Amino acid sequence: MVLIVLILLIPIFMFIYFYITAENDNQNHHNYYDNNYYENNKSEEKEFDVSDFVTIEVKHGSTVLDSNQKDFKRKKTKKSLKQTNVKKSSYKNRVVFVDTETTGLSNDDEFIEVAAILGKFNKQGKIEILDKYTGLRKPNVEINPEARKVHKIEDEELIDSELNYDKLNNIFEKAHFIAAHNASFDKKFLIKEFEQLKNKFWLCSMNGIKWKKRGFDSKGLQSLLDDNNIKVTDSHRSDSDVMAMIKLLNCKASPRTTYFNQLLRNNKIKQKNIHFDYN
């Protein structure tokens, strides 16, 4: 009699055992794909940094299932960690606008004039000027005649010219962003004298905004200034050109934002990473 009872109870015990095992296994499976898994399963030998695993997805065929869904098929699912750069740079709302005049266009040429204007910007992208410097520099190479035709800087103006490096360095140190129209050109010359500018975030107002898609015929500075009714008294001189660039970027790209804001967005600079209350 006892043997018969045991035989009848065996299927019941087996059912209960497999049910509990399946539930635990299912729970562990869900945790594996959850952000908290890495936090709750730390060991002394190896610790996971949750910040390195921000977006966790489960892919089943061409269908993407998130951790809140219950339709997991263990044989065909695989874990995919889409790593996100959560340690984003934090920026001040400061930018230095620069422009240079040079002896020519080659890598052997040098800049002979530089203008650097420090500005701060608000959430709408409106720029306010805080400080500025313009200076001439005597070059070690001759000025190309074609370049002279453009900026009209004579050798006599440069004989005793020296830059105020302390002033320029002070301006550059106050901003993460350096902006120029055709930034690759100005950067090429400036980093020879100011090596710290290699580590700045350079913004190009010429190529960083889709001017032609906005209806402008040219992305050249003078053309854009004409199209936006911005008058320049002394074009192709650093101070005048950089001031004109700031006026251009302060123009409205839409009712709520400026071209400068568009420049930041096109460079994937998000407002949440900018300190607008910086003093």
C-alpha atoms as a PDB file:
ATOM      1  CA  MET A   1       0.000   0.000   0.000  1.00  0.00           C
ATOM      2  CA  VAL A   2       2.780   2.399   0.904  1.00  0.00           C
ATOM      3  CA  LEU A   3       4.573   1.532  -2.320  1.00  0.00           C
ATOM      4  CA  ILE A   4       1.486   2.379  -4.341  1.00  0.00           C
ATOM      5  CA  VAL A   5       1.176   5.783  -2.614  1.00  0.00           C
ATOM      6  CA  LEU A   6       4.839   6.580  -3.330  1.00  0.00           C
ATOM      7  CA  ILE A   7       4.428   5.641  -6.971  1.00  0.00           C
ATOM      8  CA  LEU A   8       1.444   7.976  -7.232  1.00  0.00           C
ATOM      9  CA  LEU A   9       3.311  10.860  -5.511  1.00  0.00           C
ATOM     10  CA  ILE A  10       6.408  10.693  -7.737  1.00  0.00           C
ATOM     11  CA  PRO A  11       4.753  12.457 -10.734  1.00  0.00           C
ATOM     12  CA  ILE A  12       3.512  15.199  -8.392  1.00  0.00           C
ATOM     13  CA  PHE A  13       6.986  15.773  -6.914  1.00  0.00           C
ATOM     14  CA  MET A  14       8.535  15.813 -10.370  1.00  0.00           C
ATOM     15  CA  PHE A  15       5.984  18.395 -11.567  1.00  0.00           C
ATOM     16  CA  ILE A  16       6.696  20.653  -8.573  1.00  0.00           C
ATOM     17  CA  TYR A  17      10.489  20.316  -9.078  1.00  0.00           C
ATOM     18  CA  PHE A  18      10.451  21.204 -12.777  1.00  0.00           C
ATOM     19  CA  TYR A  19       8.001  24.065 -12.188  1.00  0.00           C
ATOM     20  CA  ILE A  20      10.252  25.707  -9.569  1.00  0.00           C
ATOM     21  CA  THR A  21      13.358  25.133 -11.680  1.00  0.00           C
ATOM     22  CA  ALA A  22      11.732  26.698 -14.732  1.00  0.00           C
ATOM     23  CA  GLU A  23      10.587  29.718 -12.746  1.00  0.00           C
ATOM     24  CA  ASN A  24      14.063  30.321 -11.318  1.00  0.00           C
ATOM     25  CA  ASP A  25      15.663  29.849 -14.681  1.00  0.00           C
ATOM     26  CA  ASN A  26      13.203  32.250 -16.278  1.00  0.00           C
ATOM     27  CA  GLN A  27      13.851  34.823 -13.562  1.00  0.00           C
ATOM     28  CA  ASN A  28      17.622  34.533 -14.015  1.00  0.00           C
ATOM     29  CA  HIS A  29      17.194  34.865 -17.755  1.00  0.00           C
ATOM     30  CA  HIS A  30      15.304  38.134 -17.363  1.00  0.00           C
ATOM     31  CA  ASN A  31      17.885  39.490 -14.933  1.00  0.00           C
ATOM     32  CA  TYR A  32      20.671  38.730 -17.355  1.00  0.00           C
ATOM     33  CA  TYR A  33      19.305  41.276 -19.789  1.00  0.00           C
ATOM     34  CA  ASP A  34      18.444  43.876 -17.219  1.00  0.00           C
ATOM     35  CA  ASN A  35      20.650  46.846 -16.309  1.00  0.00           C
ATOM     36  CA  ASN A  36      20.477  45.835 -12.636  1.00  0.00           C
ATOM     37  CA  TYR A  37      22.043  42.486 -13.408  1.00  0.00           C
ATOM     38  CA  TYR A  38      25.488  44.029 -13.480  1.00  0.00           C
ATOM     39  CA  GLU A  39      24.855  45.934 -10.280  1.00  0.00           C
ATOM     40  CA  ASN A  40      23.401  42.965  -8.364  1.00  0.00           C
ATOM     41  CA  ASN A  41      25.955  40.366  -9.472  1.00  0.00           C
ATOM     42  CA  LYS A  42      29.243  42.025  -8.621  1.00  0.00           C
ATOM     43  CA  SER A  43      32.019  39.843  -7.301  1.00  0.00           C
ATOM     44  CA  GLU A  44      35.313  40.623  -5.606  1.00  0.00           C
ATOM     45  CA  GLU A  45      37.220  39.201  -8.549  1.00  0.00           C
ATOM     46  CA  LYS A  46      35.528  41.248 -11.276  1.00  0.00           C
ATOM     47  CA  GLU A  47      33.219  44.231 -11.038  1.00  0.00           C
ATOM     48  CA  PHE A  48      31.030  45.545 -13.831  1.00  0.00           C
ATOM     49  CA  ASP A  49      30.690  49.252 -14.487  1.00  0.00           C
ATOM     50  CA  VAL A  50      27.025  49.779 -15.218  1.00  0.00           C
ATOM     51  CA  SER A  51      27.855  52.998 -17.045  1.00  0.00           C
ATOM     52  CA  ASP A  52      29.569  50.920 -19.722  1.00  0.00           C
ATOM     53  CA  PHE A  53      26.376  49.007 -20.466  1.00  0.00           C
ATOM     54  CA  VAL A  54      23.668  51.579 -20.851  1.00  0.00           C
ATOM     55  CA  THR A  55      21.504  50.196 -23.620  1.00  0.00           C
ATOM     56  CA  ILE A  56      20.909  46.458 -23.468  1.00  0.00           C
ATOM     57  CA  GLU A  57      18.826  44.781 -26.150  1.00  0.00           C
ATOM     58  CA  VAL A  58      17.825  41.233 -26.956  1.00  0.00           C
ATOM     59  CA  LYS A  59      17.615  40.361 -30.617  1.00  0.00           C
ATOM     60  CA  HIS A  60      15.455  37.516 -31.932  1.00  0.00           C
ATOM     61  CA  GLY A  61      15.882  37.192 -35.675  1.00  0.00           C
ATOM     62  CA  SER A  62      15.070  40.605 -37.082  1.00  0.00           C
ATOM     63  CA  THR A  63      12.874  41.434 -34.100  1.00  0.00           C
ATOM     64  CA  VAL A  64      14.288  43.417 -31.178  1.00  0.00           C
ATOM     65  CA  LEU A  65      12.859  42.539 -27.794  1.00  0.00           C
ATOM     66  CA  ASP A  66      13.492  44.696 -24.732  1.00  0.00           C
ATOM     67  CA  SER A  67      13.885  43.476 -21.178  1.00  0.00           C
ATOM     68  CA  ASN A  68      10.240  44.268 -20.299  1.00  0.00           C
ATOM     69  CA  GLN A  69       8.852  41.781 -22.794  1.00  0.00           C
ATOM     70  CA  LYS A  70       8.284  38.163 -21.801  1.00  0.00           C
ATOM     71  CA  ASP A  71       8.492  36.522 -25.206  1.00  0.00           C
ATOM     72  CA  PHE A  72      12.042  35.220 -24.850  1.00  0.00           C
ATOM     73  CA  LYS A  73      13.051  32.156 -26.878  1.00  0.00           C
ATOM     74  CA  ARG A  74      16.285  30.920 -25.372  1.00  0.00           C
ATOM     75  CA  LYS A  75      17.553  28.919 -28.315  1.00  0.00           C
ATOM     76  CA  LYS A  76      17.527  31.831 -30.780  1.00  0.00           C
ATOM     77  CA  THR A  77      18.074  34.875 -28.589  1.00  0.00           C
ATOM     78  CA  LYS A  78      21.435  36.532 -28.082  1.00  0.00           C
ATOM     79  CA  LYS A  79      22.627  39.329 -25.844  1.00  0.00           C
ATOM     80  CA  SER A  80      23.680  42.529 -27.598  1.00  0.00           C
ATOM     81  CA  LEU A  81      25.268  45.338 -25.625  1.00  0.00           C
ATOM     82  CA  LYS A  82      25.000  48.640 -27.418  1.00  0.00           C
ATOM     83  CA  GLN A  83      27.632  50.646 -25.589  1.00  0.00           C
ATOM     84  CA  THR A  84      26.819  54.320 -25.092  1.00  0.00           C
ATOM     85  CA  ASN A  85      29.313  57.014 -24.195  1.00  0.00           C
ATOM     86  CA  VAL A  86      27.731  58.066 -20.929  1.00  0.00           C
ATOM     87  CA  LYS A  87      30.871  59.832 -19.761  1.00  0.00           C
ATOM     88  CA  LYS A  88      30.186  62.762 -22.053  1.00  0.00           C
ATOM     89  CA  SER A  89      32.309  65.867 -22.037  1.00  0.00           C
ATOM     90  CA  SER A  90      30.979  68.777 -20.066  1.00  0.00           C
ATOM     91  CA  TYR A  91      31.294  72.148 -21.754  1.00  0.00           C
ATOM     92  CA  LYS A  92      31.188  75.758 -20.628  1.00  0.00           C
ATOM     93  CA  ASN A  93      28.974  78.088 -22.650  1.00  0.00           C
ATOM     94  CA  ARG A  94      32.084  79.860 -23.903  1.00  0.00           C
ATOM     95  CA  VAL A  95      33.452  79.983 -27.439  1.00  0.00           C
ATOM     96  CA  VAL A  96      36.385  81.783 -29.042  1.00  0.00           C
ATOM     97  CA  PHE A  97      35.804  82.990 -32.589  1.00  0.00           C
ATOM     98  CA  VAL A  98      38.994  83.280 -34.598  1.00  0.00           C
ATOM     99  CA  ASP A  99      40.159  84.477 -37.981  1.00  0.00           C
ATOM    100  CA  THR A 100      43.628  84.758 -39.477  1.00  0.00           C
ATOM    101  CA  GLU A 101      45.310  86.488 -42.388  1.00  0.00           C
ATOM    102  CA  THR A 102      48.312  84.620 -43.749  1.00  0.00           C
ATOM    103  CA  THR A 103      51.347  84.898 -46.001  1.00  0.00           C
ATOM    104  CA  GLY A 104      49.786  82.332 -48.320  1.00  0.00           C
ATOM    105  CA  LEU A 105      47.924  79.036 -48.515  1.00  0.00           C
ATOM    106  CA  SER A 106      50.654  76.389 -48.251  1.00  0.00           C
ATOM    107  CA  ASN A 107      51.775  74.498 -45.153  1.00  0.00           C
ATOM    108  CA  ASP A 108      54.993  76.508 -45.178  1.00  0.00           C
ATOM    109  CA  ASP A 109      53.129  79.806 -44.880  1.00  0.00           C
ATOM    110  CA  GLU A 110      52.377  81.576 -41.589  1.00  0.00           C
ATOM    111  CA  PHE A 111      49.669  83.764 -40.154  1.00  0.00           C
ATOM    112  CA  ILE A 112      50.462  87.456 -39.898  1.00  0.00           C
ATOM    113  CA  GLU A 113      47.258  88.639 -38.231  1.00  0.00           C
ATOM    114  CA  VAL A 114      44.893  86.982 -35.794  1.00  0.00           C
ATOM    115  CA  ALA A 115      41.653  88.055 -34.167  1.00  0.00           C
ATOM    116  CA  ALA A 116      40.248  86.114 -31.214  1.00  0.00           C
ATOM    117  CA  ILE A 117      36.913  87.081 -29.682  1.00  0.00           C
ATOM    118  CA  LEU A 118      35.643  85.354 -26.561  1.00  0.00           C
ATOM    119  CA  GLY A 119      31.880  85.047 -26.343  1.00  0.00           C
ATOM    120  CA  LYS A 120      29.261  83.316 -24.245  1.00  0.00           C
ATOM    121  CA  PHE A 121      26.003  81.926 -25.613  1.00  0.00           C
ATOM    122  CA  ASN A 122      22.601  81.186 -24.135  1.00  0.00           C
ATOM    123  CA  LYS A 123      20.223  78.289 -24.781  1.00  0.00           C
ATOM    124  CA  GLN A 124      18.796  80.039 -27.846  1.00  0.00           C
ATOM    125  CA  GLY A 125      22.289  80.344 -29.300  1.00  0.00           C
ATOM    126  CA  LYS A 126      22.583  84.100 -28.870  1.00  0.00           C
ATOM    127  CA  ILE A 127      26.230  85.148 -28.563  1.00  0.00           C
ATOM    128  CA  GLU A 128      27.450  87.922 -26.260  1.00  0.00           C
ATOM    129  CA  ILE A 129      31.015  89.231 -26.590  1.00  0.00           C
ATOM    130  CA  LEU A 130      33.106  89.116 -23.399  1.00  0.00           C
ATOM    131  CA  ASP A 131      36.663  89.866 -24.531  1.00  0.00           C
ATOM    132  CA  LYS A 132      38.684  90.262 -27.725  1.00  0.00           C
ATOM    133  CA  TYR A 133      42.162  90.662 -29.108  1.00  0.00           C
ATOM    134  CA  THR A 134      43.581  91.457 -32.545  1.00  0.00           C
ATOM    135  CA  GLY A 135      47.274  91.496 -33.301  1.00  0.00           C
ATOM    136  CA  LEU A 136      49.852  91.452 -36.080  1.00  0.00           C
ATOM    137  CA  ARG A 137      52.800  89.077 -36.255  1.00  0.00           C
ATOM    138  CA  LYS A 138      56.043  89.374 -38.196  1.00  0.00           C
ATOM    139  CA  PRO A 139      56.449  86.217 -40.317  1.00  0.00           C
ATOM    140  CA  ASN A 140      59.575  84.242 -41.121  1.00  0.00           C
ATOM    141  CA  VAL A 141      58.569  83.869 -44.771  1.00  0.00           C
ATOM    142  CA  GLU A 142      57.654  86.345 -47.472  1.00  0.00           C
ATOM    143  CA  ILE A 143      54.061  87.298 -48.163  1.00  0.00           C
ATOM    144  CA  ASN A 144      52.713  85.794 -51.356  1.00  0.00           C
ATOM    145  CA  PRO A 145      51.645  88.612 -53.729  1.00  0.00           C
ATOM    146  CA  GLU A 146      48.261  86.937 -54.259  1.00  0.00           C
ATOM    147  CA  ALA A 147      47.658  86.840 -50.522  1.00  0.00           C
ATOM    148  CA  ARG A 148      48.646  90.484 -50.193  1.00  0.00           C
ATOM    149  CA  LYS A 149      46.050  91.440 -52.803  1.00  0.00           C
ATOM    150  CA  VAL A 150      43.387  89.976 -50.508  1.00  0.00           C
ATOM    151  CA  HIS A 151      44.321  91.330 -47.055  1.00  0.00           C
ATOM    152  CA  LYS A 152      46.465  94.284 -48.208  1.00  0.00           C
ATOM    153  CA  ILE A 153      48.865  93.986 -45.254  1.00  0.00           C
ATOM    154  CA  GLU A 154      52.215  95.581 -46.096  1.00  0.00           C
ATOM    155  CA  ASP A 155      55.627  94.525 -44.817  1.00  0.00           C
ATOM    156  CA  GLU A 156      56.081  97.884 -43.117  1.00  0.00           C
ATOM    157  CA  GLU A 157      53.149  97.148 -40.810  1.00  0.00           C
ATOM    158  CA  LEU A 158      54.815  93.964 -39.576  1.00  0.00           C
ATOM    159  CA  ILE A 159      58.396  95.132 -38.910  1.00  0.00           C
ATOM    160  CA  ASP A 160      58.026  95.599 -35.141  1.00  0.00           C
ATOM    161  CA  SER A 161      54.834  93.567 -34.681  1.00  0.00           C
ATOM    162  CA  GLU A 162      54.602  91.115 -31.798  1.00  0.00           C
ATOM    163  CA  LEU A 163      51.612  89.226 -30.515  1.00  0.00           C
ATOM    164  CA  ASN A 164      50.465  89.494 -26.912  1.00  0.00           C
ATOM    165  CA  TYR A 165      50.727  85.771 -26.187  1.00  0.00           C
ATOM    166  CA  ASP A 166      49.592  86.162 -22.579  1.00  0.00           C
ATOM    167  CA  LYS A 167      46.381  87.836 -23.716  1.00  0.00           C
ATOM    168  CA  LEU A 168      45.708  85.255 -26.410  1.00  0.00           C
ATOM    169  CA  ASN A 169      46.424  82.304 -24.124  1.00  0.00           C
ATOM    170  CA  ASN A 170      44.125  83.781 -21.504  1.00  0.00           C
ATOM    171  CA  ILE A 171      41.294  84.040 -24.042  1.00  0.00           C
ATOM    172  CA  PHE A 172      41.865  80.527 -25.398  1.00  0.00           C
ATOM    173  CA  GLU A 173      41.916  78.966 -21.929  1.00  0.00           C
ATOM    174  CA  LYS A 174      38.432  80.235 -21.127  1.00  0.00           C
ATOM    175  CA  ALA A 175      36.583  78.186 -23.756  1.00  0.00           C
ATOM    176  CA  HIS A 176      36.229  74.591 -24.927  1.00  0.00           C
ATOM    177  CA  PHE A 177      34.998  75.668 -28.359  1.00  0.00           C
ATOM    178  CA  ILE A 178      36.956  77.425 -31.103  1.00  0.00           C
ATOM    179  CA  ALA A 179      34.898  78.614 -34.072  1.00  0.00           C
ATOM    180  CA  ALA A 180      36.062  79.823 -37.464  1.00  0.00           C
ATOM    181  CA  HIS A 181      34.743  80.107 -40.989  1.00  0.00           C
ATOM    182  CA  ASN A 182      36.711  77.388 -42.806  1.00  0.00           C
ATOM    183  CA  ALA A 183      38.133  76.203 -39.494  1.00  0.00           C
ATOM    184  CA  SER A 184      40.585  73.706 -40.989  1.00  0.00           C
ATOM    185  CA  PHE A 185      42.449  76.596 -42.614  1.00  0.00           C
ATOM    186  CA  ASP A 186      42.805  78.729 -39.478  1.00  0.00           C
ATOM    187  CA  LYS A 187      43.531  75.723 -37.277  1.00  0.00           C
ATOM    188  CA  LYS A 188      46.426  74.682 -39.521  1.00  0.00           C
ATOM    189  CA  PHE A 189      48.220  77.961 -38.848  1.00  0.00           C
ATOM    190  CA  LEU A 190      47.223  78.618 -35.245  1.00  0.00           C
ATOM    191  CA  ILE A 191      48.219  75.281 -33.713  1.00  0.00           C
ATOM    192  CA  LYS A 192      51.812  75.937 -34.790  1.00  0.00           C
ATOM    193  CA  GLU A 193      51.941  78.786 -32.266  1.00  0.00           C
ATOM    194  CA  PHE A 194      49.270  77.616 -29.799  1.00  0.00           C
ATOM    195  CA  GLU A 195      49.611  73.876 -29.303  1.00  0.00           C
ATOM    196  CA  GLN A 196      46.800  73.758 -26.725  1.00  0.00           C
ATOM    197  CA  LEU A 197      44.312  74.480 -29.504  1.00  0.00           C
ATOM    198  CA  LYS A 198      44.723  70.883 -30.687  1.00  0.00           C
ATOM    199  CA  ASN A 199      42.631  69.813 -27.700  1.00  0.00           C
ATOM    200  CA  LYS A 200      39.797  72.269 -28.296  1.00  0.00           C
ATOM    201  CA  PHE A 201      36.510  71.417 -29.986  1.00  0.00           C
ATOM    202  CA  TRP A 202      36.692  73.190 -33.334  1.00  0.00           C
ATOM    203  CA  LEU A 203      33.483  74.391 -34.985  1.00  0.00           C
ATOM    204  CA  CYS A 204      33.389  75.344 -38.656  1.00  0.00           C
ATOM    205  CA  SER A 205      30.694  77.856 -39.555  1.00  0.00           C
ATOM    206  CA  MET A 206      31.333  77.257 -43.256  1.00  0.00           C
ATOM    207  CA  ASN A 207      30.981  73.473 -43.402  1.00  0.00           C
ATOM    208  CA  GLY A 208      29.166  72.847 -40.113  1.00  0.00           C
ATOM    209  CA  ILE A 209      25.897  74.379 -41.353  1.00  0.00           C
ATOM    210  CA  LYS A 210      24.060  73.182 -44.457  1.00  0.00           C
ATOM    211  CA  TRP A 211      23.852  76.612 -46.031  1.00  0.00           C
ATOM    212  CA  LYS A 212      22.836  75.474 -49.511  1.00  0.00           C
ATOM    213  CA  LYS A 213      20.002  73.342 -48.150  1.00  0.00           C
ATOM    214  CA  ARG A 214      18.814  76.496 -46.398  1.00  0.00           C
ATOM    215  CA  GLY A 215      18.567  78.257 -49.749  1.00  0.00           C
ATOM    216  CA  PHE A 216      21.908  80.082 -49.907  1.00  0.00           C
ATOM    217  CA  ASP A 217      23.863  79.966 -53.159  1.00  0.00           C
ATOM    218  CA  SER A 218      27.274  79.869 -51.483  1.00  0.00           C
ATOM    219  CA  LYS A 219      28.794  78.993 -48.113  1.00  0.00           C
ATOM    220  CA  GLY A 220      31.509  81.628 -48.527  1.00  0.00           C
ATOM    221  CA  LEU A 221      31.503  84.212 -45.738  1.00  0.00           C
ATOM    222  CA  GLN A 222      31.143  87.307 -47.908  1.00  0.00           C
ATOM    223  CA  SER A 223      28.278  85.787 -49.846  1.00  0.00           C
ATOM    224  CA  LEU A 224      26.459  84.738 -46.674  1.00  0.00           C
ATOM    225  CA  LEU A 225      26.938  88.202 -45.191  1.00  0.00           C
ATOM    226  CA  ASP A 226      25.407  89.801 -48.293  1.00  0.00           C
ATOM    227  CA  ASP A 227      22.472  87.385 -48.249  1.00  0.00           C
ATOM    228  CA  ASN A 228      21.781  88.220 -44.584  1.00  0.00           C
ATOM    229  CA  ASN A 229      22.180  91.986 -45.092  1.00  0.00           C
ATOM    230  CA  ILE A 230      25.250  92.187 -42.847  1.00  0.00           C
ATOM    231  CA  LYS A 231      27.515  95.088 -43.765  1.00  0.00           C
ATOM    232  CA  VAL A 232      31.303  94.789 -43.429  1.00  0.00           C
ATOM    233  CA  THR A 233      33.469  97.906 -43.528  1.00  0.00           C
ATOM    234  CA  ASP A 234      36.871  96.232 -43.889  1.00  0.00           C
ATOM    235  CA  SER A 235      36.520  92.736 -45.335  1.00  0.00           C
ATOM    236  CA  HIS A 236      39.430  90.278 -45.374  1.00  0.00           C
ATOM    237  CA  ARG A 237      40.920  91.654 -42.188  1.00  0.00           C
ATOM    238  CA  SER A 238      40.743  89.403 -39.151  1.00  0.00           C
ATOM    239  CA  ASP A 239      38.889  91.644 -36.719  1.00  0.00           C
ATOM    240  CA  SER A 240      36.266  92.700 -39.250  1.00  0.00           C
ATOM    241  CA  ASP A 241      35.702  89.159 -40.555  1.00  0.00           C
ATOM    242  CA  VAL A 242      35.385  87.540 -37.160  1.00  0.00           C
ATOM    243  CA  MET A 243      32.910  90.191 -35.988  1.00  0.00           C
ATOM    244  CA  ALA A 244      30.912  89.616 -39.159  1.00  0.00           C
ATOM    245  CA  MET A 245      30.927  85.857 -38.511  1.00  0.00           C
ATOM    246  CA  ILE A 246      29.483  86.402 -35.042  1.00  0.00           C
ATOM    247  CA  LYS A 247      26.732  88.616 -36.485  1.00  0.00           C
ATOM    248  CA  LEU A 248      25.951  85.899 -39.022  1.00  0.00           C
ATOM    249  CA  LEU A 249      25.765  83.153 -36.389  1.00  0.00           C
ATOM    250  CA  ASN A 250      23.526  85.372 -34.249  1.00  0.00           C
ATOM    251  CA  CYS A 251      20.967  85.517 -37.066  1.00  0.00           C
ATOM    252  CA  LYS A 252      17.794  83.488 -36.616  1.00  0.00           C
ATOM    253  CA  ALA A 253      17.807  80.055 -38.225  1.00  0.00           C
ATOM    254  CA  SER A 254      14.241  79.618 -36.968  1.00  0.00           C
ATOM    255  CA  PRO A 255      11.922  81.617 -34.698  1.00  0.00           C
ATOM    256  CA  ARG A 256      13.465  79.979 -31.622  1.00  0.00           C
ATOM    257  CA  THR A 257      17.122  79.405 -32.436  1.00  0.00           C
ATOM    258  CA  THR A 258      20.159  80.919 -34.154  1.00  0.00           C
ATOM    259  CA  TYR A 259      22.613  79.607 -36.712  1.00  0.00           C
ATOM    260  CA  PHE A 260      25.110  79.113 -33.901  1.00  0.00           C
ATOM    261  CA  ASN A 261      22.728  76.706 -32.185  1.00  0.00           C
ATOM    262  CA  GLN A 262      22.403  74.855 -35.463  1.00  0.00           C
ATOM    263  CA  LEU A 263      26.188  74.646 -35.621  1.00  0.00           C
ATOM    264  CA  LEU A 264      26.306  73.051 -32.167  1.00  0.00           C
ATOM    265  CA  ARG A 265      23.533  70.593 -32.998  1.00  0.00           C
ATOM    266  CA  ASN A 266      25.159  69.579 -36.274  1.00  0.00           C
ATOM    267  CA  ASN A 267      28.296  68.782 -34.282  1.00  0.00           C
ATOM    268  CA  LYS A 268      26.224  66.635 -31.881  1.00  0.00           C
ATOM    269  CA  ILE A 269      26.769  68.993 -28.954  1.00  0.00           C
ATOM    270  CA  LYS A 270      23.723  68.597 -26.719  1.00  0.00           C
ATOM    271  CA  GLN A 271      22.519  71.365 -24.456  1.00  0.00           C
ATOM    272  CA  LYS A 272      22.363  69.011 -21.471  1.00  0.00           C
ATOM    273  CA  ASN A 273      26.170  68.790 -21.657  1.00  0.00           C
ATOM    274  CA  ILE A 274      26.664  72.567 -21.583  1.00  0.00           C
ATOM    275  CA  HIS A 275      26.893  74.626 -18.384  1.00  0.00           C
ATOM    276  CA  PHE A 276      24.861  77.763 -19.131  1.00  0.00           C
ATOM    277  CA  ASP A 277      25.186  79.050 -15.560  1.00  0.00           C
ATOM    278  CA  TYR A 278      28.981  79.129 -15.724  1.00  0.00           C
ATOM    279  CA  ASN A 279      30.542  82.341 -14.376  1.00  0.00           C
END
